[in-house]
Amino acid sequence: MEYNYNTSQKKLVLPEYGRNVQKMINHLHDIKDKEERNKAAKTIISIMQSMAPYGRDLGEYKRKLWDHMALISDFKLDLETPFELPTRESRAVEPKQIPYNTNKIKKKHYGRGIELLIEYAVKLEDGEEKEHLIELIANHMKRSFLTWNKNIVNDDTIFEDLKKLSQGKLQVKEGLILTESREILFKSRKRKIRKK
Protein backbone atom coordinates (compact mmCIF):
# COMPACT_ATOMS: atom_id res chain seq x y z
CA MET A 1 0.00 0.00 0.00
CA GLU A 2 1.40 3.39 -0.99
CA TYR A 3 0.53 6.53 0.99
CA ASN A 4 0.17 9.95 -0.58
CA TYR A 5 1.38 12.48 1.98
CA ASN A 6 1.09 16.23 1.42
CA THR A 7 4.81 16.59 2.11
CA SER A 8 5.57 14.49 -0.93
CA GLN A 9 3.23 16.49 -3.20
CA LYS A 10 3.83 19.72 -5.09
CA LYS A 11 3.96 22.79 -2.82
CA LEU A 12 0.74 24.85 -2.62
CA VAL A 13 1.00 28.22 -4.35
CA LEU A 14 -1.71 29.85 -2.21
CA PRO A 15 -2.33 27.58 0.81
CA GLU A 16 -5.49 29.45 1.84
CA TYR A 17 -7.38 27.82 -1.04
CA GLY A 18 -6.12 24.32 -0.33
CA ARG A 19 -4.90 21.43 -2.44
CA ASN A 20 -8.26 20.65 -4.08
CA VAL A 21 -8.62 24.12 -5.61
CA GLN A 22 -5.05 23.90 -6.87
CA LYS A 23 -5.84 20.52 -8.45
CA MET A 24 -9.00 21.92 -10.08
CA ILE A 25 -7.06 24.85 -11.55
CA ASN A 26 -4.33 22.51 -12.79
CA HIS A 27 -7.05 20.38 -14.41
CA LEU A 28 -8.12 23.43 -16.48
CA HIS A 29 -4.95 22.91 -18.55
CA ASP A 30 -6.29 19.52 -19.65
CA ILE A 31 -9.64 20.88 -20.91
CA LYS A 32 -9.24 21.41 -24.68
CA ASP A 33 -12.58 23.12 -25.43
CA LYS A 34 -12.15 26.83 -24.60
CA GLU A 35 -15.85 27.40 -23.85
CA GLU A 36 -15.92 24.47 -21.44
CA ARG A 37 -12.63 25.66 -19.87
CA ASN A 38 -14.12 29.15 -19.30
CA LYS A 39 -17.23 27.64 -17.73
CA ALA A 40 -15.09 25.45 -15.43
CA ALA A 41 -12.94 28.47 -14.48
CA LYS A 42 -16.05 30.46 -13.46
CA THR A 43 -17.17 27.53 -11.33
CA ILE A 44 -13.78 27.40 -9.63
CA ILE A 45 -13.96 31.16 -9.00
CA SER A 46 -17.33 30.70 -7.28
CA ILE A 47 -15.82 27.91 -5.13
CA MET A 48 -12.89 30.18 -4.21
CA GLN A 49 -15.39 32.92 -3.37
CA SER A 50 -17.34 30.63 -1.04
CA MET A 51 -14.11 29.73 0.76
CA ALA A 52 -13.43 33.36 1.66
CA PRO A 53 -16.84 35.10 1.79
CA TYR A 54 -15.67 37.97 4.02
CA GLY A 55 -14.44 40.12 1.13
CA ARG A 56 -17.38 39.62 -1.19
CA ASP A 57 -18.58 43.23 -0.89
CA LEU A 58 -15.25 44.76 -1.86
CA GLY A 59 -15.07 46.15 -5.39
CA GLU A 60 -11.75 44.55 -6.28
CA TYR A 61 -12.67 41.16 -4.80
CA LYS A 62 -13.54 39.41 -8.08
CA ARG A 63 -10.36 40.74 -9.70
CA LYS A 64 -8.35 39.40 -6.79
CA LEU A 65 -9.87 35.92 -7.25
CA TRP A 66 -9.01 35.90 -10.98
CA ASP A 67 -5.50 37.11 -10.16
CA HIS A 68 -5.12 34.29 -7.65
CA MET A 69 -6.30 31.78 -10.26
CA ALA A 70 -3.67 33.09 -12.69
CA LEU A 71 -1.01 32.84 -10.00
CA ILE A 72 -1.94 29.27 -9.06
CA SER A 73 -1.93 28.24 -12.75
CA ASP A 74 1.55 29.73 -13.14
CA PHE A 75 0.11 32.30 -15.60
CA LYS A 76 -0.40 29.65 -18.27
CA LEU A 77 -4.22 29.60 -18.58
CA ASP A 78 -5.90 30.71 -21.80
CA LEU A 79 -9.23 32.08 -20.54
CA GLU A 80 -11.76 34.79 -21.34
CA THR A 81 -11.82 36.74 -18.10
CA PRO A 82 -13.72 39.84 -17.00
CA PHE A 83 -10.40 41.40 -15.99
CA GLU A 84 -6.95 41.57 -17.49
CA LEU A 85 -4.90 38.92 -15.76
CA PRO A 86 -1.44 39.69 -14.38
CA THR A 87 1.63 38.30 -16.08
CA ARG A 88 4.75 36.76 -14.59
CA GLU A 89 6.67 39.90 -15.61
CA SER A 90 4.23 42.25 -13.84
CA ARG A 91 4.58 40.17 -10.66
CA ALA A 92 8.39 40.35 -10.85
CA VAL A 93 8.46 44.17 -10.61
CA GLU A 94 9.47 45.21 -7.11
CA PRO A 95 7.38 47.92 -5.46
CA LYS A 96 8.93 51.32 -4.79
CA GLN A 97 10.61 51.55 -1.44
CA ILE A 98 8.85 53.77 1.07
CA PRO A 99 11.31 56.27 2.50
CA TYR A 100 11.88 55.89 6.21
CA ASN A 101 11.30 58.97 8.32
CA THR A 102 14.72 60.06 9.56
CA ASN A 103 13.56 63.01 11.67
CA LYS A 104 15.08 62.94 15.12
CA ILE A 105 12.42 63.16 17.83
CA LYS A 106 13.75 65.33 20.63
CA LYS A 107 11.59 63.88 23.41
CA LYS A 108 10.44 60.45 22.31
CA HIS A 109 7.75 60.03 24.95
CA TYR A 110 5.84 62.93 23.37
CA GLY A 111 6.22 61.65 19.83
CA ARG A 112 6.45 63.27 16.40
CA GLY A 113 2.79 64.33 16.47
CA ILE A 114 3.38 66.74 19.35
CA GLU A 115 6.38 68.23 17.54
CA LEU A 116 4.24 68.82 14.44
CA LEU A 117 1.50 70.44 16.55
CA ILE A 118 4.07 72.71 18.19
CA GLU A 119 5.45 73.72 14.76
CA TYR A 120 1.91 74.56 13.66
CA ALA A 121 1.18 76.54 16.85
CA VAL A 122 4.38 78.58 16.41
CA LYS A 123 3.17 79.71 12.97
CA LEU A 124 -0.24 80.86 14.25
CA GLU A 125 -0.85 84.53 14.99
CA ASP A 126 -1.22 85.47 18.65
CA GLY A 127 -4.77 85.26 19.86
CA GLU A 128 -7.41 83.11 21.48
CA GLU A 129 -7.03 80.25 18.98
CA LYS A 130 -3.28 80.00 19.60
CA GLU A 131 -3.73 80.07 23.39
CA HIS A 132 -6.35 77.33 23.20
CA LEU A 133 -4.09 75.20 20.98
CA ILE A 134 -1.16 75.66 23.39
CA GLU A 135 -3.39 74.51 26.27
CA LEU A 136 -4.50 71.44 24.29
CA ILE A 137 -0.89 70.62 23.37
CA ALA A 138 0.24 70.94 26.99
CA ASN A 139 -2.57 68.64 28.22
CA HIS A 140 -1.74 66.12 25.51
CA MET A 141 1.94 66.29 26.46
CA LYS A 142 1.00 65.53 30.05
CA ARG A 143 -1.09 62.52 28.96
CA SER A 144 1.78 61.27 26.78
CA PHE A 145 4.26 61.77 29.60
CA LEU A 146 2.07 59.75 31.98
CA THR A 147 1.60 57.00 29.40
CA TRP A 148 5.32 56.24 29.48
CA ASN A 149 6.13 57.42 33.02
CA LYS A 150 3.55 56.31 35.56
CA ASN A 151 4.82 58.85 38.12
CA ILE A 152 2.89 62.00 38.86
CA VAL A 153 4.33 64.87 36.82
CA ASN A 154 4.48 68.53 37.74
CA ASP A 155 2.87 71.01 35.31
CA ASP A 156 6.06 73.09 35.35
CA THR A 157 7.94 70.13 33.82
CA ILE A 158 5.46 70.03 30.94
CA PHE A 159 5.68 73.81 30.47
CA GLU A 160 9.49 73.64 30.38
CA ASP A 161 9.40 70.83 27.82
CA LEU A 162 6.93 72.82 25.70
CA LYS A 163 9.25 75.82 25.84
CA LYS A 164 12.29 73.70 24.83
CA LEU A 165 10.46 71.95 21.99
CA SER A 166 9.22 75.28 20.61
CA GLN A 167 12.68 76.86 21.05
CA GLY A 168 11.18 79.44 23.41
CA LYS A 169 8.53 80.60 20.93
CA LEU A 170 5.51 79.24 22.83
CA GLN A 171 4.61 80.48 26.29
CA VAL A 172 1.81 79.13 28.43
CA LYS A 173 -0.53 81.80 29.74
CA GLU A 174 -0.16 82.72 33.39
CA GLY A 175 -2.13 80.56 35.84
CA LEU A 176 -2.84 77.67 33.45
CA ILE A 177 -3.62 74.46 35.32
CA LEU A 178 -3.46 71.18 33.40
CA THR A 179 -5.56 68.10 34.04
CA GLU A 180 -4.58 66.39 37.30
CA SER A 181 -2.12 63.50 36.91
CA ARG A 182 -4.23 61.29 39.17
CA GLU A 183 -7.29 61.88 37.00
CA ILE A 184 -5.41 60.95 33.80
CA LEU A 185 -3.97 57.82 35.42
CA PHE A 186 -7.38 56.87 36.85
CA LYS A 187 -9.06 57.19 33.41
CA SER A 188 -6.37 55.07 31.74
CA ARG A 189 -6.77 52.34 34.42
CA LYS A 190 -10.55 52.47 34.00
CA ARG A 191 -10.19 51.95 30.22
CA LYS A 192 -7.88 48.96 30.76
CA ILE A 193 -10.38 47.36 33.16
CA ARG A 194 -13.24 47.85 30.64
CA LYS A 195 -11.20 46.19 27.87
CA LYS A 196 -10.71 43.06 29.98
C-alpha atoms as a PDB file:
ATOM      1  CA  MET A   1       0.000   0.000   0.000  1.00  0.00           C
ATOM      2  CA  GLU A   2       1.398   3.389  -0.990  1.00  0.00           C
ATOM      3  CA  TYR A   3       0.530   6.525   0.989  1.00  0.00           C
ATOM      4  CA  ASN A   4       0.165   9.954  -0.576  1.00  0.00           C
ATOM      5  CA  TYR A   5       1.381  12.483   1.984  1.00  0.00           C
ATOM      6  CA  ASN A   6       1.092  16.233   1.425  1.00  0.00           C
ATOM      7  CA  THR A   7       4.806  16.592   2.110  1.00  0.00           C
ATOM      8  CA  SER A   8       5.571  14.487  -0.934  1.00  0.00           C
ATOM      9  CA  GLN A   9       3.231  16.486  -3.204  1.00  0.00           C
ATOM     10  CA  LYS A  10       3.833  19.718  -5.087  1.00  0.00           C
ATOM     11  CA  LYS A  11       3.957  22.790  -2.824  1.00  0.00           C
ATOM     12  CA  LEU A  12       0.745  24.851  -2.619  1.00  0.00           C
ATOM     13  CA  VAL A  13       1.003  28.218  -4.354  1.00  0.00           C
ATOM     14  CA  LEU A  14      -1.711  29.845  -2.212  1.00  0.00           C
ATOM     15  CA  PRO A  15      -2.328  27.577   0.806  1.00  0.00           C
ATOM     16  CA  GLU A  16      -5.488  29.447   1.841  1.00  0.00           C
ATOM     17  CA  TYR A  17      -7.384  27.817  -1.043  1.00  0.00           C
ATOM     18  CA  GLY A  18      -6.119  24.320  -0.327  1.00  0.00           C
ATOM     19  CA  ARG A  19      -4.903  21.433  -2.439  1.00  0.00           C
ATOM     20  CA  ASN A  20      -8.255  20.647  -4.082  1.00  0.00           C
ATOM     21  CA  VAL A  21      -8.618  24.120  -5.605  1.00  0.00           C
ATOM     22  CA  GLN A  22      -5.050  23.903  -6.871  1.00  0.00           C
ATOM     23  CA  LYS A  23      -5.836  20.518  -8.450  1.00  0.00           C
ATOM     24  CA  MET A  24      -9.002  21.923 -10.079  1.00  0.00           C
ATOM     25  CA  ILE A  25      -7.061  24.855 -11.546  1.00  0.00           C
ATOM     26  CA  ASN A  26      -4.327  22.515 -12.795  1.00  0.00           C
ATOM     27  CA  HIS A  27      -7.052  20.380 -14.406  1.00  0.00           C
ATOM     28  CA  LEU A  28      -8.123  23.428 -16.476  1.00  0.00           C
ATOM     29  CA  HIS A  29      -4.949  22.909 -18.553  1.00  0.00           C
ATOM     30  CA  ASP A  30      -6.287  19.524 -19.653  1.00  0.00           C
ATOM     31  CA  ILE A  31      -9.642  20.876 -20.913  1.00  0.00           C
ATOM     32  CA  LYS A  32      -9.242  21.411 -24.679  1.00  0.00           C
ATOM     33  CA  ASP A  33     -12.576  23.121 -25.434  1.00  0.00           C
ATOM     34  CA  LYS A  34     -12.153  26.827 -24.604  1.00  0.00           C
ATOM     35  CA  GLU A  35     -15.849  27.397 -23.851  1.00  0.00           C
ATOM     36  CA  GLU A  36     -15.922  24.470 -21.439  1.00  0.00           C
ATOM     37  CA  ARG A  37     -12.629  25.655 -19.866  1.00  0.00           C
ATOM     38  CA  ASN A  38     -14.117  29.149 -19.300  1.00  0.00           C
ATOM     39  CA  LYS A  39     -17.231  27.635 -17.727  1.00  0.00           C
ATOM     40  CA  ALA A  40     -15.085  25.455 -15.433  1.00  0.00           C
ATOM     41  CA  ALA A  41     -12.939  28.471 -14.482  1.00  0.00           C
ATOM     42  CA  LYS A  42     -16.045  30.459 -13.456  1.00  0.00           C
ATOM     43  CA  THR A  43     -17.170  27.527 -11.334  1.00  0.00           C
ATOM     44  CA  ILE A  44     -13.777  27.397  -9.632  1.00  0.00           C
ATOM     45  CA  ILE A  45     -13.955  31.158  -9.004  1.00  0.00           C
ATOM     46  CA  SER A  46     -17.328  30.701  -7.278  1.00  0.00           C
ATOM     47  CA  ILE A  47     -15.816  27.909  -5.130  1.00  0.00           C
ATOM     48  CA  MET A  48     -12.887  30.181  -4.210  1.00  0.00           C
ATOM     49  CA  GLN A  49     -15.385  32.922  -3.373  1.00  0.00           C
ATOM     50  CA  SER A  50     -17.342  30.633  -1.040  1.00  0.00           C
ATOM     51  CA  MET A  51     -14.111  29.725   0.760  1.00  0.00           C
ATOM     52  CA  ALA A  52     -13.433  33.365   1.661  1.00  0.00           C
ATOM     53  CA  PRO A  53     -16.837  35.102   1.793  1.00  0.00           C
ATOM     54  CA  TYR A  54     -15.672  37.966   4.017  1.00  0.00           C
ATOM     55  CA  GLY A  55     -14.438  40.122   1.129  1.00  0.00           C
ATOM     56  CA  ARG A  56     -17.379  39.623  -1.188  1.00  0.00           C
ATOM     57  CA  ASP A  57     -18.581  43.232  -0.889  1.00  0.00           C
ATOM     58  CA  LEU A  58     -15.252  44.758  -1.860  1.00  0.00           C
ATOM     59  CA  GLY A  59     -15.068  46.150  -5.393  1.00  0.00           C
ATOM     60  CA  GLU A  60     -11.751  44.547  -6.281  1.00  0.00           C
ATOM     61  CA  TYR A  61     -12.671  41.165  -4.798  1.00  0.00           C
ATOM     62  CA  LYS A  62     -13.535  39.406  -8.082  1.00  0.00           C
ATOM     63  CA  ARG A  63     -10.364  40.744  -9.699  1.00  0.00           C
ATOM     64  CA  LYS A  64      -8.352  39.399  -6.790  1.00  0.00           C
ATOM     65  CA  LEU A  65      -9.867  35.921  -7.252  1.00  0.00           C
ATOM     66  CA  TRP A  66      -9.010  35.896 -10.978  1.00  0.00           C
ATOM     67  CA  ASP A  67      -5.498  37.110 -10.159  1.00  0.00           C
ATOM     68  CA  HIS A  68      -5.125  34.286  -7.647  1.00  0.00           C
ATOM     69  CA  MET A  69      -6.297  31.783 -10.257  1.00  0.00           C
ATOM     70  CA  ALA A  70      -3.670  33.088 -12.688  1.00  0.00           C
ATOM     71  CA  LEU A  71      -1.012  32.838  -9.996  1.00  0.00           C
ATOM     72  CA  ILE A  72      -1.945  29.265  -9.061  1.00  0.00           C
ATOM     73  CA  SER A  73      -1.930  28.240 -12.749  1.00  0.00           C
ATOM     74  CA  ASP A  74       1.552  29.734 -13.137  1.00  0.00           C
ATOM     75  CA  PHE A  75       0.110  32.302 -15.597  1.00  0.00           C
ATOM     76  CA  LYS A  76      -0.405  29.650 -18.271  1.00  0.00           C
ATOM     77  CA  LEU A  77      -4.218  29.600 -18.585  1.00  0.00           C
ATOM     78  CA  ASP A  78      -5.904  30.706 -21.798  1.00  0.00           C
ATOM     79  CA  LEU A  79      -9.226  32.082 -20.540  1.00  0.00           C
ATOM     80  CA  GLU A  80     -11.756  34.789 -21.335  1.00  0.00           C
ATOM     81  CA  THR A  81     -11.821  36.739 -18.100  1.00  0.00           C
ATOM     82  CA  PRO A  82     -13.722  39.840 -17.004  1.00  0.00           C
ATOM     83  CA  PHE A  83     -10.398  41.398 -15.986  1.00  0.00           C
ATOM     84  CA  GLU A  84      -6.947  41.572 -17.494  1.00  0.00           C
ATOM     85  CA  LEU A  85      -4.897  38.918 -15.756  1.00  0.00           C
ATOM     86  CA  PRO A  86      -1.443  39.690 -14.384  1.00  0.00           C
ATOM     87  CA  THR A  87       1.631  38.299 -16.078  1.00  0.00           C
ATOM     88  CA  ARG A  88       4.747  36.764 -14.588  1.00  0.00           C
ATOM     89  CA  GLU A  89       6.674  39.903 -15.612  1.00  0.00           C
ATOM     90  CA  SER A  90       4.233  42.248 -13.843  1.00  0.00           C
ATOM     91  CA  ARG A  91       4.583  40.170 -10.663  1.00  0.00           C
ATOM     92  CA  ALA A  92       8.388  40.349 -10.849  1.00  0.00           C
ATOM     93  CA  VAL A  93       8.464  44.168 -10.612  1.00  0.00           C
ATOM     94  CA  GLU A  94       9.466  45.208  -7.111  1.00  0.00           C
ATOM     95  CA  PRO A  95       7.382  47.920  -5.458  1.00  0.00           C
ATOM     96  CA  LYS A  96       8.930  51.322  -4.789  1.00  0.00           C
ATOM     97  CA  GLN A  97      10.611  51.554  -1.445  1.00  0.00           C
ATOM     98  CA  ILE A  98       8.847  53.773   1.066  1.00  0.00           C
ATOM     99  CA  PRO A  99      11.312  56.273   2.504  1.00  0.00           C
ATOM    100  CA  TYR A 100      11.877  55.889   6.214  1.00  0.00           C
ATOM    101  CA  ASN A 101      11.297  58.974   8.318  1.00  0.00           C
ATOM    102  CA  THR A 102      14.718  60.056   9.564  1.00  0.00           C
ATOM    103  CA  ASN A 103      13.559  63.009  11.672  1.00  0.00           C
ATOM    104  CA  LYS A 104      15.080  62.937  15.119  1.00  0.00           C
ATOM    105  CA  ILE A 105      12.424  63.155  17.828  1.00  0.00           C
ATOM    106  CA  LYS A 106      13.749  65.330  20.632  1.00  0.00           C
ATOM    107  CA  LYS A 107      11.591  63.876  23.415  1.00  0.00           C
ATOM    108  CA  LYS A 108      10.435  60.450  22.307  1.00  0.00           C
ATOM    109  CA  HIS A 109       7.747  60.027  24.946  1.00  0.00           C
ATOM    110  CA  TYR A 110       5.843  62.928  23.366  1.00  0.00           C
ATOM    111  CA  GLY A 111       6.218  61.648  19.827  1.00  0.00           C
ATOM    112  CA  ARG A 112       6.449  63.271  16.398  1.00  0.00           C
ATOM    113  CA  GLY A 113       2.786  64.327  16.468  1.00  0.00           C
ATOM    114  CA  ILE A 114       3.379  66.740  19.346  1.00  0.00           C
ATOM    115  CA  GLU A 115       6.376  68.235  17.537  1.00  0.00           C
ATOM    116  CA  LEU A 116       4.236  68.823  14.441  1.00  0.00           C
ATOM    117  CA  LEU A 117       1.499  70.440  16.552  1.00  0.00           C
ATOM    118  CA  ILE A 118       4.074  72.715  18.189  1.00  0.00           C
ATOM    119  CA  GLU A 119       5.452  73.721  14.761  1.00  0.00           C
ATOM    120  CA  TYR A 120       1.906  74.559  13.656  1.00  0.00           C
ATOM    121  CA  ALA A 121       1.177  76.537  16.847  1.00  0.00           C
ATOM    122  CA  VAL A 122       4.378  78.580  16.414  1.00  0.00           C
ATOM    123  CA  LYS A 123       3.174  79.712  12.971  1.00  0.00           C
ATOM    124  CA  LEU A 124      -0.236  80.863  14.247  1.00  0.00           C
ATOM    125  CA  GLU A 125      -0.846  84.533  14.992  1.00  0.00           C
ATOM    126  CA  ASP A 126      -1.219  85.466  18.652  1.00  0.00           C
ATOM    127  CA  GLY A 127      -4.768  85.261  19.857  1.00  0.00           C
ATOM    128  CA  GLU A 128      -7.408  83.112  21.483  1.00  0.00           C
ATOM    129  CA  GLU A 129      -7.025  80.248  18.977  1.00  0.00           C
ATOM    130  CA  LYS A 130      -3.281  80.004  19.598  1.00  0.00           C
ATOM    131  CA  GLU A 131      -3.726  80.069  23.388  1.00  0.00           C
ATOM    132  CA  HIS A 132      -6.352  77.329  23.199  1.00  0.00           C
ATOM    133  CA  LEU A 133      -4.094  75.197  20.982  1.00  0.00           C
ATOM    134  CA  ILE A 134      -1.157  75.659  23.387  1.00  0.00           C
ATOM    135  CA  GLU A 135      -3.385  74.512  26.271  1.00  0.00           C
ATOM    136  CA  LEU A 136      -4.498  71.442  24.290  1.00  0.00           C
ATOM    137  CA  ILE A 137      -0.894  70.616  23.365  1.00  0.00           C
ATOM    138  CA  ALA A 138       0.240  70.942  26.992  1.00  0.00           C
ATOM    139  CA  ASN A 139      -2.567  68.642  28.219  1.00  0.00           C
ATOM    140  CA  HIS A 140      -1.742  66.116  25.514  1.00  0.00           C
ATOM    141  CA  MET A 141       1.942  66.295  26.461  1.00  0.00           C
ATOM    142  CA  LYS A 142       1.002  65.529  30.054  1.00  0.00           C
ATOM    143  CA  ARG A 143      -1.085  62.516  28.959  1.00  0.00           C
ATOM    144  CA  SER A 144       1.780  61.266  26.781  1.00  0.00           C
ATOM    145  CA  PHE A 145       4.263  61.771  29.600  1.00  0.00           C
ATOM    146  CA  LEU A 146       2.071  59.753  31.979  1.00  0.00           C
ATOM    147  CA  THR A 147       1.596  56.999  29.398  1.00  0.00           C
ATOM    148  CA  TRP A 148       5.318  56.244  29.479  1.00  0.00           C
ATOM    149  CA  ASN A 149       6.132  57.418  33.021  1.00  0.00           C
ATOM    150  CA  LYS A 150       3.553  56.313  35.559  1.00  0.00           C
ATOM    151  CA  ASN A 151       4.818  58.847  38.121  1.00  0.00           C
ATOM    152  CA  ILE A 152       2.886  62.003  38.855  1.00  0.00           C
ATOM    153  CA  VAL A 153       4.328  64.871  36.817  1.00  0.00           C
ATOM    154  CA  ASN A 154       4.482  68.525  37.744  1.00  0.00           C
ATOM    155  CA  ASP A 155       2.869  71.008  35.315  1.00  0.00           C
ATOM    156  CA  ASP A 156       6.055  73.086  35.348  1.00  0.00           C
ATOM    157  CA  THR A 157       7.941  70.127  33.824  1.00  0.00           C
ATOM    158  CA  ILE A 158       5.458  70.028  30.945  1.00  0.00           C
ATOM    159  CA  PHE A 159       5.678  73.805  30.474  1.00  0.00           C
ATOM    160  CA  GLU A 160       9.495  73.641  30.383  1.00  0.00           C
ATOM    161  CA  ASP A 161       9.404  70.825  27.818  1.00  0.00           C
ATOM    162  CA  LEU A 162       6.932  72.822  25.703  1.00  0.00           C
ATOM    163  CA  LYS A 163       9.251  75.823  25.841  1.00  0.00           C
ATOM    164  CA  LYS A 164      12.285  73.704  24.828  1.00  0.00           C
ATOM    165  CA  LEU A 165      10.455  71.952  21.988  1.00  0.00           C
ATOM    166  CA  SER A 166       9.219  75.284  20.607  1.00  0.00           C
ATOM    167  CA  GLN A 167      12.678  76.859  21.053  1.00  0.00           C
ATOM    168  CA  GLY A 168      11.185  79.436  23.410  1.00  0.00           C
ATOM    169  CA  LYS A 169       8.535  80.599  20.930  1.00  0.00           C
ATOM    170  CA  LEU A 170       5.509  79.239  22.829  1.00  0.00           C
ATOM    171  CA  GLN A 171       4.605  80.481  26.285  1.00  0.00           C
ATOM    172  CA  VAL A 172       1.808  79.134  28.434  1.00  0.00           C
ATOM    173  CA  LYS A 173      -0.529  81.805  29.737  1.00  0.00           C
ATOM    174  CA  GLU A 174      -0.161  82.715  33.393  1.00  0.00           C
ATOM    175  CA  GLY A 175      -2.132  80.565  35.835  1.00  0.00           C
ATOM    176  CA  LEU A 176      -2.841  77.665  33.446  1.00  0.00           C
ATOM    177  CA  ILE A 177      -3.616  74.460  35.321  1.00  0.00           C
ATOM    178  CA  LEU A 178      -3.457  71.179  33.397  1.00  0.00           C
ATOM    179  CA  THR A 179      -5.560  68.098  34.035  1.00  0.00           C
ATOM    180  CA  GLU A 180      -4.577  66.389  37.297  1.00  0.00           C
ATOM    181  CA  SER A 181      -2.122  63.504  36.915  1.00  0.00           C
ATOM    182  CA  ARG A 182      -4.233  61.291  39.170  1.00  0.00           C
ATOM    183  CA  GLU A 183      -7.294  61.879  36.999  1.00  0.00           C
ATOM    184  CA  ILE A 184      -5.414  60.949  33.796  1.00  0.00           C
ATOM    185  CA  LEU A 185      -3.965  57.816  35.415  1.00  0.00           C
ATOM    186  CA  PHE A 186      -7.385  56.868  36.846  1.00  0.00           C
ATOM    187  CA  LYS A 187      -9.059  57.194  33.413  1.00  0.00           C
ATOM    188  CA  SER A 188      -6.374  55.066  31.745  1.00  0.00           C
ATOM    189  CA  ARG A 189      -6.774  52.341  34.417  1.00  0.00           C
ATOM    190  CA  LYS A 190     -10.549  52.471  34.002  1.00  0.00           C
ATOM    191  CA  ARG A 191     -10.188  51.946  30.216  1.00  0.00           C
ATOM    192  CA  LYS A 192      -7.883  48.962  30.759  1.00  0.00           C
ATOM    193  CA  ILE A 193     -10.384  47.363  33.155  1.00  0.00           C
ATOM    194  CA  ARG A 194     -13.238  47.853  30.636  1.00  0.00           C
ATOM    195  CA  LYS A 195     -11.200  46.191  27.866  1.00  0.00           C
ATOM    196  CA  LYS A 196     -10.707  43.064  29.979  1.00  0.00           C
END
